[in-house]
Amino acid sequence: MEFILFALLFTVGTCLISIIIAGKSWNDEAKIWFKSLNHPDKALMVNFMDKFGIIMYLLFGVVLYFLVIQKELVPIIVMIIIILIMGLSPFFLYKTKNLKLFFTSNLIIFILLPMLIYFLLRANIILAIVVIVYKLWVIYEMSYWYRLIKLNRK
């Protein structure tokens, strides 16, 4: 895989936009609100969520870079949508305090991931495995958010 500056700048730019959007919402008020919820599994989700997000941006940056180099439009668009949802969903969660909205955003990612996996299985098995592992995380995360919604019904 050869280095292409445009692909790198495009990838970094896309990820930075998403990170900035998510970061705008993660303030002290949001942290206090989120920690005040009744959590079904505090140890994993509450303590690991930020760290996992950083790891996912790095990994998805690599995937997007690879896709831009491959110049296949559909998987590039799918990856961009996933990355942007990763930034918009926490923004909407902390601004609206609507747990169902966050759950729905994960559902959209869950639906888009098989398309991405299909392309990557044909193009790069290692990146496909990374996305499959992320899909497993999304399954756990959706289960977590569903239980969180049930525990915090008003």
C-alpha atoms as a PDB file:
ATOM      1  CA  MET A   1       0.000   0.000   0.000  1.00  0.00           C
ATOM      2  CA  GLU A   2       1.619   3.234  -1.123  1.00  0.00           C
ATOM      3  CA  PHE A   3       1.426   6.470   0.845  1.00  0.00           C
ATOM      4  CA  ILE A   4      -0.959   9.048  -0.603  1.00  0.00           C
ATOM      5  CA  LEU A   5      -1.023  12.474   1.048  1.00  0.00           C
ATOM      6  CA  PHE A   6      -4.567  13.310  -0.093  1.00  0.00           C
ATOM      7  CA  ALA A   7      -5.896  10.078   1.434  1.00  0.00           C
ATOM      8  CA  LEU A   8      -4.125  10.846   4.703  1.00  0.00           C
ATOM      9  CA  LEU A   9      -5.392  14.449   4.862  1.00  0.00           C
ATOM     10  CA  PHE A  10      -8.933  13.368   3.960  1.00  0.00           C
ATOM     11  CA  THR A  11      -8.882  10.655   6.618  1.00  0.00           C
ATOM     12  CA  VAL A  12      -7.449  12.889   9.336  1.00  0.00           C
ATOM     13  CA  GLY A  13      -9.904  15.655   8.426  1.00  0.00           C
ATOM     14  CA  THR A  14     -12.921  13.344   8.559  1.00  0.00           C
ATOM     15  CA  CYS A  15     -11.893  11.884  11.908  1.00  0.00           C
ATOM     16  CA  LEU A  16     -11.075  15.324  13.361  1.00  0.00           C
ATOM     17  CA  ILE A  17     -14.484  16.701  12.369  1.00  0.00           C
ATOM     18  CA  SER A  18     -16.159  13.798  14.140  1.00  0.00           C
ATOM     19  CA  ILE A  19     -13.909  14.090  17.206  1.00  0.00           C
ATOM     20  CA  ILE A  20     -14.536  17.840  17.470  1.00  0.00           C
ATOM     21  CA  ILE A  21     -18.303  17.319  17.235  1.00  0.00           C
ATOM     22  CA  ALA A  22     -18.203  14.675  19.973  1.00  0.00           C
ATOM     23  CA  GLY A  23     -15.809  16.732  22.073  1.00  0.00           C
ATOM     24  CA  LYS A  24     -18.103  19.771  22.034  1.00  0.00           C
ATOM     25  CA  SER A  25     -20.659  17.801  24.009  1.00  0.00           C
ATOM     26  CA  TRP A  26     -18.407  16.130  26.595  1.00  0.00           C
ATOM     27  CA  ASN A  27     -18.315  18.787  29.297  1.00  0.00           C
ATOM     28  CA  ASP A  28     -18.608  18.619  33.082  1.00  0.00           C
ATOM     29  CA  GLU A  29     -22.405  18.776  32.966  1.00  0.00           C
ATOM     30  CA  ALA A  30     -22.558  15.847  30.527  1.00  0.00           C
ATOM     31  CA  LYS A  31     -20.133  13.799  32.645  1.00  0.00           C
ATOM     32  CA  ILE A  32     -22.162  14.414  35.801  1.00  0.00           C
ATOM     33  CA  TRP A  33     -25.422  13.564  34.048  1.00  0.00           C
ATOM     34  CA  PHE A  34     -24.062  10.370  32.499  1.00  0.00           C
ATOM     35  CA  LYS A  35     -22.497   9.161  35.750  1.00  0.00           C
ATOM     36  CA  SER A  36     -25.741   9.901  37.616  1.00  0.00           C
ATOM     37  CA  LEU A  37     -27.688   7.389  35.513  1.00  0.00           C
ATOM     38  CA  ASN A  38     -28.431   3.905  36.763  1.00  0.00           C
ATOM     39  CA  HIS A  39     -25.917   1.786  34.836  1.00  0.00           C
ATOM     40  CA  PRO A  40     -26.386  -1.944  34.296  1.00  0.00           C
ATOM     41  CA  ASP A  41     -22.631  -2.572  34.062  1.00  0.00           C
ATOM     42  CA  LYS A  42     -20.590   0.326  35.421  1.00  0.00           C
ATOM     43  CA  ALA A  43     -17.207  -1.321  35.278  1.00  0.00           C
ATOM     44  CA  LEU A  44     -16.989  -1.854  31.530  1.00  0.00           C
ATOM     45  CA  MET A  45     -18.960   0.862  29.777  1.00  0.00           C
ATOM     46  CA  VAL A  46     -18.546   3.880  32.041  1.00  0.00           C
ATOM     47  CA  ASN A  47     -14.826   3.445  32.629  1.00  0.00           C
ATOM     48  CA  PHE A  48     -13.827   2.205  29.186  1.00  0.00           C
ATOM     49  CA  MET A  49     -16.026   4.244  26.819  1.00  0.00           C
ATOM     50  CA  ASP A  50     -13.602   7.159  26.276  1.00  0.00           C
ATOM     51  CA  LYS A  51     -10.583   4.929  25.755  1.00  0.00           C
ATOM     52  CA  PHE A  52     -12.461   2.689  23.347  1.00  0.00           C
ATOM     53  CA  GLY A  53     -13.573   5.717  21.333  1.00  0.00           C
ATOM     54  CA  ILE A  54      -9.962   6.812  20.824  1.00  0.00           C
ATOM     55  CA  ILE A  55      -8.969   3.317  19.728  1.00  0.00           C
ATOM     56  CA  MET A  56     -11.906   3.143  17.301  1.00  0.00           C
ATOM     57  CA  TYR A  57     -11.077   6.506  15.711  1.00  0.00           C
ATOM     58  CA  LEU A  58      -7.510   5.335  15.128  1.00  0.00           C
ATOM     59  CA  LEU A  59      -8.600   2.007  13.668  1.00  0.00           C
ATOM     60  CA  PHE A  60     -11.352   3.512  11.542  1.00  0.00           C
ATOM     61  CA  GLY A  61      -8.903   6.144  10.352  1.00  0.00           C
ATOM     62  CA  VAL A  62      -6.719   3.319   9.029  1.00  0.00           C
ATOM     63  CA  VAL A  63      -9.766   1.692   7.391  1.00  0.00           C
ATOM     64  CA  LEU A  64     -10.851   4.977   5.778  1.00  0.00           C
ATOM     65  CA  TYR A  65      -7.315   5.648   4.541  1.00  0.00           C
ATOM     66  CA  PHE A  66      -7.255   2.189   2.938  1.00  0.00           C
ATOM     67  CA  LEU A  67     -10.689   2.752   1.355  1.00  0.00           C
ATOM     68  CA  VAL A  68      -9.707   6.141  -0.082  1.00  0.00           C
ATOM     69  CA  ILE A  69      -6.629   4.560  -1.645  1.00  0.00           C
ATOM     70  CA  GLN A  70      -8.821   1.803  -3.109  1.00  0.00           C
ATOM     71  CA  LYS A  71     -11.092   4.490  -4.642  1.00  0.00           C
ATOM     72  CA  GLU A  72     -14.326   2.540  -4.188  1.00  0.00           C
ATOM     73  CA  LEU A  73     -17.008   5.123  -3.526  1.00  0.00           C
ATOM     74  CA  VAL A  74     -19.700   3.100  -1.711  1.00  0.00           C
ATOM     75  CA  PRO A  75     -17.475   1.791   1.134  1.00  0.00           C
ATOM     76  CA  ILE A  76     -15.881   5.249   1.495  1.00  0.00           C
ATOM     77  CA  ILE A  77     -19.327   6.798   1.956  1.00  0.00           C
ATOM     78  CA  VAL A  78     -20.358   4.063   4.418  1.00  0.00           C
ATOM     79  CA  MET A  79     -17.167   4.580   6.448  1.00  0.00           C
ATOM     80  CA  ILE A  80     -17.613   8.365   6.485  1.00  0.00           C
ATOM     81  CA  ILE A  81     -21.201   7.987   7.691  1.00  0.00           C
ATOM     82  CA  ILE A  82     -20.081   5.617  10.462  1.00  0.00           C
ATOM     83  CA  ILE A  83     -17.288   7.966  11.576  1.00  0.00           C
ATOM     84  CA  LEU A  84     -19.605  10.983  11.578  1.00  0.00           C
ATOM     85  CA  ILE A  85     -22.283   9.092  13.531  1.00  0.00           C
ATOM     86  CA  MET A  86     -19.573   8.224  16.068  1.00  0.00           C
ATOM     87  CA  GLY A  87     -19.198  11.991  16.616  1.00  0.00           C
ATOM     88  CA  LEU A  88     -22.802  13.102  16.272  1.00  0.00           C
ATOM     89  CA  SER A  89     -24.340  10.476  18.547  1.00  0.00           C
ATOM     90  CA  PRO A  90     -22.561  11.613  21.743  1.00  0.00           C
ATOM     91  CA  PHE A  91     -23.231  15.228  20.774  1.00  0.00           C
ATOM     92  CA  PHE A  92     -26.967  14.551  20.532  1.00  0.00           C
ATOM     93  CA  LEU A  93     -26.901  12.312  23.612  1.00  0.00           C
ATOM     94  CA  TYR A  94     -25.372  14.914  25.901  1.00  0.00           C
ATOM     95  CA  LYS A  95     -27.217  17.880  24.430  1.00  0.00           C
ATOM     96  CA  THR A  96     -30.666  16.224  24.467  1.00  0.00           C
ATOM     97  CA  LYS A  97     -30.089  13.650  27.240  1.00  0.00           C
ATOM     98  CA  ASN A  98     -32.074  11.267  25.046  1.00  0.00           C
ATOM     99  CA  LEU A  99     -30.841   7.703  25.514  1.00  0.00           C
ATOM    100  CA  LYS A 100     -33.105   6.358  22.755  1.00  0.00           C
ATOM    101  CA  LEU A 101     -31.500   8.676  20.213  1.00  0.00           C
ATOM    102  CA  PHE A 102     -28.071   7.277  21.035  1.00  0.00           C
ATOM    103  CA  PHE A 103     -29.433   3.731  20.788  1.00  0.00           C
ATOM    104  CA  THR A 104     -30.860   4.545  17.359  1.00  0.00           C
ATOM    105  CA  SER A 105     -27.521   5.886  16.155  1.00  0.00           C
ATOM    106  CA  ASN A 106     -25.881   2.615  17.167  1.00  0.00           C
ATOM    107  CA  LEU A 107     -28.599   0.793  15.262  1.00  0.00           C
ATOM    108  CA  ILE A 108     -27.703   2.750  12.114  1.00  0.00           C
ATOM    109  CA  ILE A 109     -24.034   1.812  12.553  1.00  0.00           C
ATOM    110  CA  PHE A 110     -25.060  -1.818  13.161  1.00  0.00           C
ATOM    111  CA  ILE A 111     -26.947  -1.826   9.842  1.00  0.00           C
ATOM    112  CA  LEU A 112     -24.095  -0.190   7.894  1.00  0.00           C
ATOM    113  CA  LEU A 113     -21.283  -2.410   9.190  1.00  0.00           C
ATOM    114  CA  PRO A 114     -22.142  -5.537   7.123  1.00  0.00           C
ATOM    115  CA  MET A 115     -21.736  -3.521   3.898  1.00  0.00           C
ATOM    116  CA  LEU A 116     -18.330  -2.363   5.044  1.00  0.00           C
ATOM    117  CA  ILE A 117     -17.339  -5.854   6.163  1.00  0.00           C
ATOM    118  CA  TYR A 118     -18.421  -7.297   2.788  1.00  0.00           C
ATOM    119  CA  PHE A 119     -16.134  -4.922   0.905  1.00  0.00           C
ATOM    120  CA  LEU A 120     -13.228  -5.399   3.281  1.00  0.00           C
ATOM    121  CA  LEU A 121     -13.464  -9.192   3.118  1.00  0.00           C
ATOM    122  CA  ARG A 122     -12.732  -8.877  -0.595  1.00  0.00           C
ATOM    123  CA  ALA A 123     -10.002  -6.260  -0.213  1.00  0.00           C
ATOM    124  CA  ASN A 124      -8.183  -6.663   3.124  1.00  0.00           C
ATOM    125  CA  ILE A 125      -8.921  -9.481   5.575  1.00  0.00           C
ATOM    126  CA  ILE A 126      -7.112  -7.841   8.512  1.00  0.00           C
ATOM    127  CA  LEU A 127      -9.218  -4.670   8.268  1.00  0.00           C
ATOM    128  CA  ALA A 128     -12.323  -6.838   7.849  1.00  0.00           C
ATOM    129  CA  ILE A 129     -11.494  -8.588  11.120  1.00  0.00           C
ATOM    130  CA  VAL A 130     -11.060  -5.202  12.845  1.00  0.00           C
ATOM    131  CA  VAL A 131     -14.529  -4.150  11.676  1.00  0.00           C
ATOM    132  CA  ILE A 132     -16.021  -7.515  12.671  1.00  0.00           C
ATOM    133  CA  VAL A 133     -14.605  -7.048  16.188  1.00  0.00           C
ATOM    134  CA  TYR A 134     -16.144  -3.563  16.234  1.00  0.00           C
ATOM    135  CA  LYS A 135     -19.486  -5.072  15.141  1.00  0.00           C
ATOM    136  CA  LEU A 136     -19.296  -7.377  18.165  1.00  0.00           C
ATOM    137  CA  TRP A 137     -18.652  -4.323  20.352  1.00  0.00           C
ATOM    138  CA  VAL A 138     -21.694  -2.580  18.833  1.00  0.00           C
ATOM    139  CA  ILE A 139     -23.817  -5.612  19.727  1.00  0.00           C
ATOM    140  CA  TYR A 140     -22.637  -5.346  23.330  1.00  0.00           C
ATOM    141  CA  GLU A 141     -23.070  -1.571  23.298  1.00  0.00           C
ATOM    142  CA  MET A 142     -26.626  -1.803  21.962  1.00  0.00           C
ATOM    143  CA  SER A 143     -27.475  -4.318  24.658  1.00  0.00           C
ATOM    144  CA  TYR A 144     -25.954  -1.998  27.249  1.00  0.00           C
ATOM    145  CA  TRP A 145     -27.846   1.072  26.018  1.00  0.00           C
ATOM    146  CA  TYR A 146     -31.098  -0.879  25.842  1.00  0.00           C
ATOM    147  CA  ARG A 147     -30.660  -1.916  29.492  1.00  0.00           C
ATOM    148  CA  LEU A 148     -29.642   1.648  30.376  1.00  0.00           C
ATOM    149  CA  ILE A 149     -32.842   2.987  28.777  1.00  0.00           C
ATOM    150  CA  LYS A 150     -34.937   0.488  30.736  1.00  0.00           C
ATOM    151  CA  LEU A 151     -33.217   1.340  34.039  1.00  0.00           C
ATOM    152  CA  ASN A 152     -33.674   5.086  33.547  1.00  0.00           C
ATOM    153  CA  ARG A 153     -37.256   5.301  32.305  1.00  0.00           C
ATOM    154  CA  LYS A 154     -39.128   8.185  33.746  1.00  0.00           C
END
